[in-house]
């Protein structure tokens, strides 16, 4: 029996179409931050059209009473993938350079899907940490362990959050479009003698916030005119475009699930 794709998406995408290859259904989980009950058209929203989500609802079931394991992103994602309350592992919102929070030797949702002969992928926000505990993440080499070590066959990530550094995409174990001549460092400056791009520091000068002025706490490295949480150096060629981020995730998701 051929394997068919299952896609876990940890960001709000407008639409994804899965291609059925046999009788087993494809599974798409759309996991969105900061999305309230009244933000979707099917539940009464009129300010922002959500036609694709409304179409999904019209073709299936809708629920009017729902609960989550935590009110913040990292612990709720941890619970979704492991079936364990995040507080049992003292999981909180992570700093930009935090190690992987999910043990690689436990059962996870993607591992369960693989036992059922599915292919698995994740596209979008991660914010569950990357790399080994007790070791600094080397963003210029293979960044692991991460989603692949938890059972995903493919990953295209926003490593942390869109208001945190590093402001780059991570595909599987590598930063996308990273220039070796401009090495990426997160949380601390480059070693002596290494020259990497230096971004404006919002704590010292807010004039670099040309897109909009961020609030306190979001005023460290200024990337694309926006103050971020945390500091980074280098990786200029790999920076994401904030305005096309959603389109990029849709593109990567469709690329993974198209038939071969």
Protein backbone atom coordinates (compact mmCIF):
# COMPACT_ATOMS: atom_id res chain seq x y z
CA UNK A 1 0.00 0.00 0.00
CA UNK A 2 1.31 3.43 -0.90
CA UNK A 3 1.80 5.93 1.86
CA UNK A 4 -0.23 9.11 1.66
CA UNK A 5 0.66 12.47 3.09
CA UNK A 6 -0.54 13.85 6.37
CA UNK A 7 0.22 17.51 6.99
CA UNK A 8 0.37 19.15 10.40
CA UNK A 9 0.21 22.91 10.02
CA UNK A 10 0.95 25.04 13.10
CA UNK A 11 -0.09 28.32 11.54
CA UNK A 12 -3.31 29.69 10.12
CA UNK A 13 -3.34 28.94 6.40
CA UNK A 14 -6.13 30.11 4.14
CA UNK A 15 -6.54 26.83 2.27
CA UNK A 16 -4.88 23.49 1.62
CA UNK A 17 -6.02 20.73 -0.73
CA UNK A 18 -4.94 17.17 -0.05
CA UNK A 19 -4.80 14.58 -2.80
CA UNK A 20 -6.37 11.28 -1.83
CA UNK A 21 -4.36 8.32 -3.11
CA UNK A 22 -6.42 5.54 -1.61
CA UNK A 23 -9.24 4.95 0.87
CA UNK A 24 -7.36 6.41 3.81
CA UNK A 25 -8.14 10.07 4.44
CA UNK A 26 -5.49 12.72 4.43
CA UNK A 27 -5.28 14.57 7.74
CA UNK A 28 -4.69 18.32 7.92
CA UNK A 29 -4.50 20.02 11.31
CA UNK A 30 -4.58 23.82 11.18
CA UNK A 31 -3.34 25.15 14.49
CA UNK A 32 -3.62 28.93 14.83
CA UNK A 33 -2.33 31.39 17.40
CA UNK A 34 -4.50 34.27 18.58
CA UNK A 35 -7.60 33.04 16.78
CA UNK A 36 -10.76 33.54 18.78
CA UNK A 37 -14.20 32.00 18.43
CA UNK A 38 -15.52 35.14 16.79
CA UNK A 39 -12.66 35.55 14.29
CA UNK A 40 -13.97 33.04 11.75
CA UNK A 41 -16.88 33.62 9.41
CA UNK A 42 -18.68 30.38 10.24
CA UNK A 43 -18.94 31.59 13.84
CA UNK A 44 -20.21 35.04 12.96
CA UNK A 45 -17.18 37.12 12.01
CA UNK A 46 -17.87 39.78 9.38
CA UNK A 47 -14.79 42.00 9.56
CA UNK A 48 -12.29 39.59 7.95
CA UNK A 49 -13.57 37.13 5.29
CA UNK A 50 -12.56 33.50 5.89
CA UNK A 51 -14.19 31.75 2.90
CA UNK A 52 -11.94 28.69 2.84
CA UNK A 53 -12.32 27.90 6.53
CA UNK A 54 -16.08 28.49 6.16
CA UNK A 55 -16.15 26.04 3.25
CA UNK A 56 -14.42 23.40 5.37
CA UNK A 57 -16.98 23.93 8.10
CA UNK A 58 -19.88 23.71 5.66
CA UNK A 59 -18.64 20.34 4.44
CA UNK A 60 -18.12 18.80 7.86
CA UNK A 61 -18.86 19.35 11.52
CA UNK A 62 -18.66 22.53 13.57
CA UNK A 63 -18.33 22.69 17.34
CA UNK A 64 -19.53 25.40 19.70
CA UNK A 65 -17.73 24.37 22.88
CA UNK A 66 -13.98 23.87 22.77
CA UNK A 67 -11.05 23.92 25.18
CA UNK A 68 -7.27 23.90 24.98
CA UNK A 69 -4.62 22.61 27.33
CA UNK A 70 -2.98 26.02 27.77
CA UNK A 71 -3.62 29.63 26.85
CA UNK A 72 -0.16 30.12 25.35
CA UNK A 73 1.57 28.64 22.32
CA UNK A 74 4.47 26.49 23.52
CA UNK A 75 2.64 24.42 26.17
CA UNK A 76 -0.46 23.96 24.01
CA UNK A 77 1.65 22.75 21.07
CA UNK A 78 3.54 20.44 23.41
CA UNK A 79 0.26 18.88 24.52
CA UNK A 80 -1.05 18.56 20.97
CA UNK A 81 1.99 16.58 19.86
CA UNK A 82 2.49 14.47 22.98
CA UNK A 83 -0.89 14.11 24.70
CA UNK A 84 0.76 15.35 27.91
CA UNK A 85 -0.05 18.56 29.74
CA UNK A 86 2.84 20.97 29.28
CA UNK A 87 2.97 21.84 32.97
CA UNK A 88 4.03 18.27 33.75
CA UNK A 89 7.30 19.07 31.95
CA UNK A 90 7.37 22.69 33.16
CA UNK A 91 6.87 23.94 29.63
CA UNK A 92 6.46 27.70 29.20
CA UNK A 93 6.82 30.18 26.33
CA UNK A 94 10.35 29.67 25.08
CA UNK A 95 13.21 32.08 24.54
CA UNK A 96 14.53 32.38 20.96
CA UNK A 97 17.46 29.97 21.42
CA UNK A 98 15.76 27.33 23.58
CA UNK A 99 16.51 23.60 23.07
CA UNK A 100 13.93 21.06 21.96
CA UNK A 101 11.37 20.61 24.75
CA UNK A 102 9.85 17.30 23.60
CA UNK A 103 11.88 14.18 24.43
CA UNK A 104 12.73 12.29 21.26
CA UNK A 105 12.11 8.89 22.86
CA UNK A 106 8.39 9.32 23.63
CA UNK A 107 5.32 8.68 21.48
CA UNK A 108 4.22 11.71 19.50
CA UNK A 109 1.38 12.42 17.09
CA UNK A 110 3.57 12.14 13.96
CA UNK A 111 5.06 8.85 15.22
CA UNK A 112 1.52 7.54 15.68
CA UNK A 113 0.61 8.53 12.14
CA UNK A 114 3.72 6.83 10.81
CA UNK A 115 2.68 3.61 12.55
CA UNK A 116 -0.47 3.85 10.43
CA UNK A 117 1.64 4.14 7.23
CA UNK A 118 1.28 7.89 6.78
CA UNK A 119 3.88 10.37 5.62
CA UNK A 120 4.04 13.38 7.92
CA UNK A 121 5.04 17.02 7.55
CA UNK A 122 4.87 20.26 9.48
CA UNK A 123 4.76 23.70 7.89
CA UNK A 124 4.62 26.93 9.89
CA UNK A 125 5.29 28.06 13.40
CA UNK A 126 7.22 25.68 15.67
CA UNK A 127 8.22 27.35 18.97
CA UNK A 128 9.00 24.08 20.72
CA UNK A 129 12.74 24.57 20.80
CA UNK A 130 15.52 23.21 18.60
CA UNK A 131 18.77 21.46 19.43
CA UNK A 132 20.03 19.50 22.41
CA UNK A 133 19.68 20.62 26.00
CA UNK A 134 22.91 21.96 27.42
CA UNK A 135 24.36 22.70 23.97
CA UNK A 136 24.28 25.94 21.99
CA UNK A 137 22.43 25.75 18.71
CA UNK A 138 24.71 26.16 15.71
CA UNK A 139 22.47 27.85 13.15
CA UNK A 140 25.18 27.54 10.51
CA UNK A 141 25.22 23.73 10.59
CA UNK A 142 22.52 21.09 11.03
CA UNK A 143 19.96 22.35 13.54
CA UNK A 144 18.75 19.27 15.39
CA UNK A 145 17.09 17.54 17.11
CA UNK A 146 13.81 19.02 15.96
CA UNK A 147 10.63 17.92 14.16
CA UNK A 148 12.32 15.18 12.12
CA UNK A 149 13.52 13.52 15.31
CA UNK A 150 9.94 13.53 16.62
CA UNK A 151 8.47 11.64 13.68
CA UNK A 152 7.97 14.20 10.91
CA UNK A 153 9.29 13.33 7.46
CA UNK A 154 9.53 16.97 6.40
CA UNK A 155 9.50 20.36 8.09
CA UNK A 156 9.49 23.98 6.94
CA UNK A 157 9.53 26.13 10.03
CA UNK A 158 9.20 29.50 11.52
CA UNK A 159 11.64 28.38 14.24
CA UNK A 160 10.20 30.40 17.11
CA UNK A 161 7.59 33.14 16.52
CA UNK A 162 7.28 35.98 14.04
CA UNK A 163 8.11 38.50 16.76
CA UNK A 164 11.25 36.64 17.86
CA UNK A 165 14.63 36.00 16.35
CA UNK A 166 15.93 34.23 14.35
CA UNK A 167 13.92 35.76 11.49
CA UNK A 168 14.72 32.98 9.03
CA UNK A 169 13.05 29.84 7.71
CA UNK A 170 14.36 26.42 8.68
CA UNK A 171 13.81 23.57 6.20
CA UNK A 172 14.44 20.20 7.81
CA UNK A 173 17.82 20.75 9.52
CA UNK A 174 19.08 23.78 7.59
CA UNK A 175 18.43 27.53 7.51
CA UNK A 176 17.06 28.41 4.07
CA UNK A 177 19.26 30.64 1.84
CA UNK A 178 21.92 31.11 4.52
CA UNK A 179 25.11 32.71 3.19
CA UNK A 180 28.21 31.08 4.78
CA UNK A 181 29.99 34.42 4.45
CA UNK A 182 27.41 35.97 6.78
CA UNK A 183 27.05 33.36 9.57
CA UNK A 184 24.00 33.47 11.82
CA UNK A 185 24.23 33.84 15.59
CA UNK A 186 21.28 34.01 17.96
CA UNK A 187 21.39 35.36 21.49
CA UNK A 188 25.02 36.35 21.47
CA UNK A 189 27.36 38.21 19.09
CA UNK A 190 29.72 36.45 16.67
CA UNK A 191 33.06 35.20 17.96
CA UNK A 192 36.03 37.55 17.70
CA UNK A 193 37.19 37.95 14.12
CA UNK A 194 33.91 36.79 12.57
CA UNK A 195 32.08 39.46 10.61
CA UNK A 196 28.30 39.10 10.40
CA UNK A 197 25.54 41.58 9.62
CA UNK A 198 24.81 43.85 12.57
CA UNK A 199 21.17 44.85 12.97
CA UNK A 200 19.95 48.00 14.76
CA UNK A 201 19.40 47.63 18.51
CA UNK A 202 15.98 48.93 19.52
CA UNK A 203 17.09 49.32 23.11
CA UNK A 204 19.64 51.92 22.03
CA UNK A 205 17.88 53.58 19.10
CA UNK A 206 14.24 53.15 18.11
CA UNK A 207 14.66 55.00 14.81
CA UNK A 208 15.33 51.71 13.02
CA UNK A 209 11.70 50.68 13.57
CA UNK A 210 10.54 52.03 10.24
CA UNK A 211 7.70 49.54 9.69
CA UNK A 212 6.09 50.26 13.04
CA UNK A 213 7.35 50.93 16.54
CA UNK A 214 7.28 47.84 18.71
CA UNK A 215 6.37 47.87 22.38
CA UNK A 216 8.77 47.27 25.25
CA UNK A 217 10.14 43.73 25.17
CA UNK A 218 9.93 43.65 21.38
CA UNK A 219 12.76 46.11 20.99
CA UNK A 220 15.97 44.13 20.64
CA UNK A 221 17.27 43.35 17.14
CA UNK A 222 15.35 45.33 14.54
CA UNK A 223 14.69 43.14 11.49
CA UNK A 224 12.85 44.44 8.41
CA UNK A 225 12.05 47.63 10.31
CA UNK A 226 10.35 45.73 13.16
CA UNK A 227 11.69 45.32 16.69
CA UNK A 228 11.96 41.67 17.77
CA UNK A 229 12.34 39.69 20.98
CA UNK A 230 15.98 38.68 21.31
CA UNK A 231 19.15 39.46 19.38
CA UNK A 232 20.61 38.00 16.21
CA UNK A 233 23.58 38.70 13.98
CA UNK A 234 24.15 37.66 10.38
CA UNK A 235 21.89 35.68 8.08
CA UNK A 236 20.79 38.70 6.05
CA UNK A 237 20.27 36.73 2.83
CA UNK A 238 18.09 34.25 4.72
CA UNK A 239 15.71 36.76 6.31
CA UNK A 240 12.01 36.12 5.79
CA UNK A 241 9.65 38.72 4.33
CA UNK A 242 6.99 39.46 6.94
CA UNK A 243 4.44 40.46 4.31
CA UNK A 244 4.72 37.24 2.29
CA UNK A 245 5.12 34.78 5.16
CA UNK A 246 1.61 33.31 4.89
CA UNK A 247 2.00 32.89 1.12
CA UNK A 248 5.33 31.12 1.64
CA UNK A 249 3.79 28.63 4.06
CA UNK A 250 0.92 27.89 1.67
CA UNK A 251 3.46 27.39 -1.14
CA UNK A 252 5.55 24.97 0.92
CA UNK A 253 2.51 23.04 2.12
CA UNK A 254 1.17 22.63 -1.40
CA UNK A 255 4.60 21.61 -2.64
CA UNK A 256 4.74 18.79 -0.11
CA UNK A 257 1.27 17.36 -0.71
CA UNK A 258 1.15 17.49 -4.51
CA UNK A 259 1.02 14.03 -6.14
CA UNK A 260 4.19 12.50 -7.60
